[in-house]
Amino acid sequence: MSRIQGFPPIADADARVLILGSMPGLASLRAGEYYAHPRNAFWPIMGALIGAAPALPYAVRVALLRTHGIALWDVLASCVRSGSLDAGIEPGSVIANDFASFFRTHTAIRRIYFNGAAAEASFRRHVLPGLASPILPHHRLPSTSPAHAAMSFERKLAAWRVSGLLDPLADQAPAGW
C-alpha cells in the first residue's frame, strides 16, 4: 500500500454549495477526474439535475458544476488505502484537506452536502474539531459509489433531487453568520 493524494477542489469564488466526498477511488485517481468509475452515480445524477451527463467531456461537466454554483472536493487530502473502498483507509494515515483556508477564500458557500456517510464521518472526525466557526448547514446524501448498491439509482436520484442542492432560497446565509 502506498500513500494516495486527492485532487484540488473544483470551486469558483462565488460557489454557493460544496459537495464533499471522502477520497477519490482508484478509477478516479487513474483518470485524474472526480467520480470517474463508470458505475458511480455522481455524473448520471448531475446529468439529471444540471445537464452534466457522463457522456459529456469532463471539462464541460466541471463547467456546468461551476455555472450552477457547485463546488466539489474531498474531505481527505491524502491517506494510505488498499483498494478503492473507504474501509481500506488506514486510520492513522489520514491527512484532511485545509478547510479553514478553503472557507476563508470561498465565503459564498452556504451549504455542505456529503456524498455518503463516510464523507460526513471523516469531516466530523478530521475537520470539524479544527474549524473556528460553526459548521454551515449540511446534509448527508446517499453515496453515489457503486459500493452502495443497496439503494437503486432512482432512489439515490430522488434523494439528491429533493435535498435543496439547487434551491436558490437556501442560499441565504443562516442566522449568526
Protein backbone atom coordinates (compact mmCIF):
# COMPACT_ATOMS: atom_id res chain seq x y z
CA MET A 1 0.00 0.00 0.00
CA SER A 2 1.16 3.49 -0.76
CA ARG A 3 0.05 6.98 0.10
CA ILE A 4 -2.51 8.40 -2.30
CA GLN A 5 -3.21 12.08 -2.93
CA GLY A 6 -6.62 13.57 -3.65
CA PHE A 7 -7.45 16.34 -6.10
CA PRO A 8 -7.64 20.10 -5.67
CA PRO A 9 -11.14 21.48 -5.25
CA ILE A 10 -13.33 22.46 -8.14
CA ALA A 11 -14.60 25.74 -6.75
CA ASP A 12 -15.22 29.22 -8.04
CA ALA A 13 -15.14 32.13 -5.61
CA ASP A 14 -18.94 32.51 -5.93
CA ALA A 15 -19.79 28.82 -5.33
CA ARG A 16 -22.79 28.51 -3.03
CA VAL A 17 -22.75 24.82 -2.18
CA LEU A 18 -19.95 22.34 -1.53
CA ILE A 19 -20.30 18.64 -2.26
CA LEU A 20 -17.78 16.56 -0.34
CA GLY A 21 -16.66 13.02 -0.99
CA SER A 22 -14.20 11.15 1.17
CA MET A 23 -11.26 10.27 -1.13
CA PRO A 24 -11.14 9.51 -4.88
CA GLY A 25 -11.26 5.84 -5.81
CA LEU A 26 -8.66 4.13 -7.95
CA ALA A 27 -10.52 4.74 -11.23
CA SER A 28 -10.74 8.46 -10.44
CA LEU A 29 -7.09 8.66 -9.41
CA ARG A 30 -6.02 6.93 -12.63
CA ALA A 31 -8.19 9.22 -14.77
CA GLY A 32 -7.36 12.38 -12.81
CA GLU A 33 -11.10 13.13 -12.61
CA TYR A 34 -13.66 13.20 -9.84
CA TYR A 35 -16.09 10.25 -9.91
CA ALA A 36 -14.53 8.52 -12.92
CA HIS A 37 -15.70 4.98 -12.10
CA PRO A 38 -18.22 4.07 -14.81
CA ARG A 39 -20.71 2.71 -12.26
CA ASN A 40 -20.51 5.70 -9.91
CA ALA A 41 -23.86 7.51 -9.99
CA PHE A 42 -22.49 11.02 -9.39
CA TRP A 43 -22.33 12.16 -13.02
CA PRO A 44 -25.62 10.48 -14.01
CA ILE A 45 -27.26 12.30 -11.06
CA MET A 46 -25.61 15.60 -12.08
CA GLY A 47 -26.82 14.89 -15.61
CA ALA A 48 -30.40 14.64 -14.38
CA LEU A 49 -30.09 17.70 -12.13
CA ILE A 50 -27.99 20.17 -14.16
CA GLY A 51 -27.30 18.53 -17.52
CA ALA A 52 -23.75 17.38 -16.62
CA ALA A 53 -24.27 13.90 -18.06
CA PRO A 54 -21.37 11.41 -18.10
CA ALA A 55 -21.31 11.37 -21.92
CA LEU A 56 -20.12 14.99 -21.94
CA PRO A 57 -16.40 15.74 -21.78
CA TYR A 58 -15.15 16.11 -18.21
CA ALA A 59 -14.29 19.79 -18.73
CA VAL A 60 -17.87 20.52 -19.80
CA ARG A 61 -19.28 18.69 -16.76
CA VAL A 62 -16.99 20.68 -14.48
CA ALA A 63 -18.04 23.93 -16.18
CA LEU A 64 -21.70 23.04 -15.57
CA LEU A 65 -21.00 22.49 -11.86
CA ARG A 66 -19.37 25.91 -11.71
CA THR A 67 -22.24 27.54 -13.62
CA HIS A 68 -24.66 26.19 -11.01
CA GLY A 69 -22.60 27.42 -8.05
CA ILE A 70 -21.49 23.93 -7.05
CA ALA A 71 -18.04 23.29 -5.61
CA LEU A 72 -16.64 19.77 -5.41
CA TRP A 73 -13.90 18.42 -3.15
CA ASP A 74 -12.99 15.56 -0.84
CA VAL A 75 -12.53 15.57 2.90
CA LEU A 76 -9.15 13.85 2.73
CA ALA A 77 -6.06 15.29 1.09
CA SER A 78 -4.14 12.02 1.38
CA CYS A 79 -4.12 8.66 3.09
CA VAL A 80 -2.84 5.13 2.82
CA ARG A 81 -5.56 2.88 1.43
CA SER A 82 -5.79 -0.58 -0.02
CA GLY A 83 -8.21 -0.66 -2.95
CA SER A 84 -10.92 1.93 -3.52
CA LEU A 85 -13.18 1.47 -0.52
CA ASP A 86 -13.21 3.87 2.41
CA ALA A 87 -12.99 0.82 4.68
CA GLY A 88 -9.49 0.24 3.28
CA ILE A 89 -8.16 3.57 4.63
CA GLU A 90 -5.57 3.17 7.38
CA PRO A 91 -6.92 5.44 10.14
CA GLY A 92 -3.53 6.72 11.31
CA SER A 93 -2.57 7.77 7.78
CA VAL A 94 -5.31 10.33 7.23
CA ILE A 95 -4.44 13.92 6.33
CA ALA A 96 -7.50 16.14 5.87
CA ASN A 97 -7.77 18.98 3.39
CA ASP A 98 -7.37 22.54 4.71
CA PHE A 99 -10.98 23.56 5.14
CA ALA A 100 -10.22 26.61 7.29
CA SER A 101 -8.38 28.17 4.34
CA PHE A 102 -10.99 26.95 1.88
CA PHE A 103 -13.86 28.57 3.79
CA ARG A 104 -11.87 31.81 4.22
CA THR A 105 -11.47 32.09 0.44
CA HIS A 106 -14.88 30.71 -0.55
CA THR A 107 -17.12 32.91 1.55
CA ALA A 108 -20.20 32.42 -0.63
CA ILE A 109 -20.52 28.74 0.42
CA ARG A 110 -23.79 28.44 2.32
CA ARG A 111 -24.38 24.67 2.47
CA ILE A 112 -22.37 21.47 2.56
CA TYR A 113 -23.56 18.19 1.09
CA PHE A 114 -21.79 14.96 2.00
CA ASN A 115 -21.70 12.31 -0.70
CA GLY A 116 -22.35 9.45 1.70
CA ALA A 117 -21.84 8.57 5.34
CA ALA A 118 -18.08 8.06 5.07
CA ALA A 119 -17.53 11.63 3.85
CA GLU A 120 -19.64 13.00 6.69
CA ALA A 121 -17.91 10.85 9.32
CA SER A 122 -14.45 11.83 8.01
CA PHE A 123 -15.40 15.51 8.09
CA ARG A 124 -16.71 15.27 11.64
CA ARG A 125 -13.66 13.34 12.82
CA HIS A 126 -10.81 15.05 10.97
CA VAL A 127 -12.02 18.54 10.05
CA LEU A 128 -14.74 19.82 12.36
CA PRO A 129 -12.62 19.90 15.53
CA GLY A 130 -10.16 22.27 13.83
CA LEU A 131 -12.69 24.76 12.49
CA ALA A 132 -13.05 28.01 14.42
CA SER A 133 -16.52 28.76 13.04
CA PRO A 134 -19.59 26.60 13.46
CA ILE A 135 -20.32 24.24 10.61
CA LEU A 136 -22.51 25.52 7.81
CA PRO A 137 -25.89 23.89 7.24
CA HIS A 138 -25.15 20.42 5.97
CA HIS A 139 -26.94 17.37 4.67
CA ARG A 140 -25.81 13.81 4.05
CA LEU A 141 -26.89 12.41 0.71
CA PRO A 142 -26.81 8.76 -0.32
CA SER A 143 -23.39 7.76 -1.57
CA THR A 144 -23.09 7.65 -5.34
CA SER A 145 -20.43 4.94 -5.05
CA PRO A 146 -21.07 1.64 -6.81
CA ALA A 147 -20.23 0.03 -3.44
CA HIS A 148 -23.53 1.50 -2.15
CA ALA A 149 -25.57 -0.88 -4.28
CA ALA A 150 -28.27 -1.43 -1.67
CA MET A 151 -30.01 1.72 -2.95
CA SER A 152 -31.20 1.93 -6.54
CA PHE A 153 -30.14 4.74 -8.84
CA GLU A 154 -33.74 6.00 -8.88
CA ARG A 155 -33.82 6.29 -5.07
CA LYS A 156 -30.41 7.99 -5.00
CA LEU A 157 -31.53 10.47 -7.65
CA ALA A 158 -34.77 11.18 -5.78
CA ALA A 159 -32.83 11.91 -2.56
CA TRP A 160 -30.37 14.19 -4.35
CA ARG A 161 -33.24 15.93 -6.19
CA VAL A 162 -35.15 16.85 -3.00
CA SER A 163 -32.03 17.78 -1.00
CA GLY A 164 -32.25 21.50 -1.77
CA LEU A 165 -28.93 21.35 -3.61
CA LEU A 166 -30.19 23.69 -6.31
CA ASP A 167 -32.67 25.67 -4.20
CA PRO A 168 -31.76 29.38 -4.51
CA LEU A 169 -33.79 30.24 -1.41
CA ALA A 170 -31.49 28.07 0.68
CA ASP A 171 -28.52 30.19 -0.40
CA GLN A 172 -29.23 32.91 2.14
CA ALA A 173 -26.77 33.00 4.98
CA PRO A 174 -28.04 31.32 8.15
CA ALA A 175 -28.65 33.46 11.22
CA GLY A 176 -25.43 34.26 13.06
CA TRP A 177 -23.14 34.11 10.01
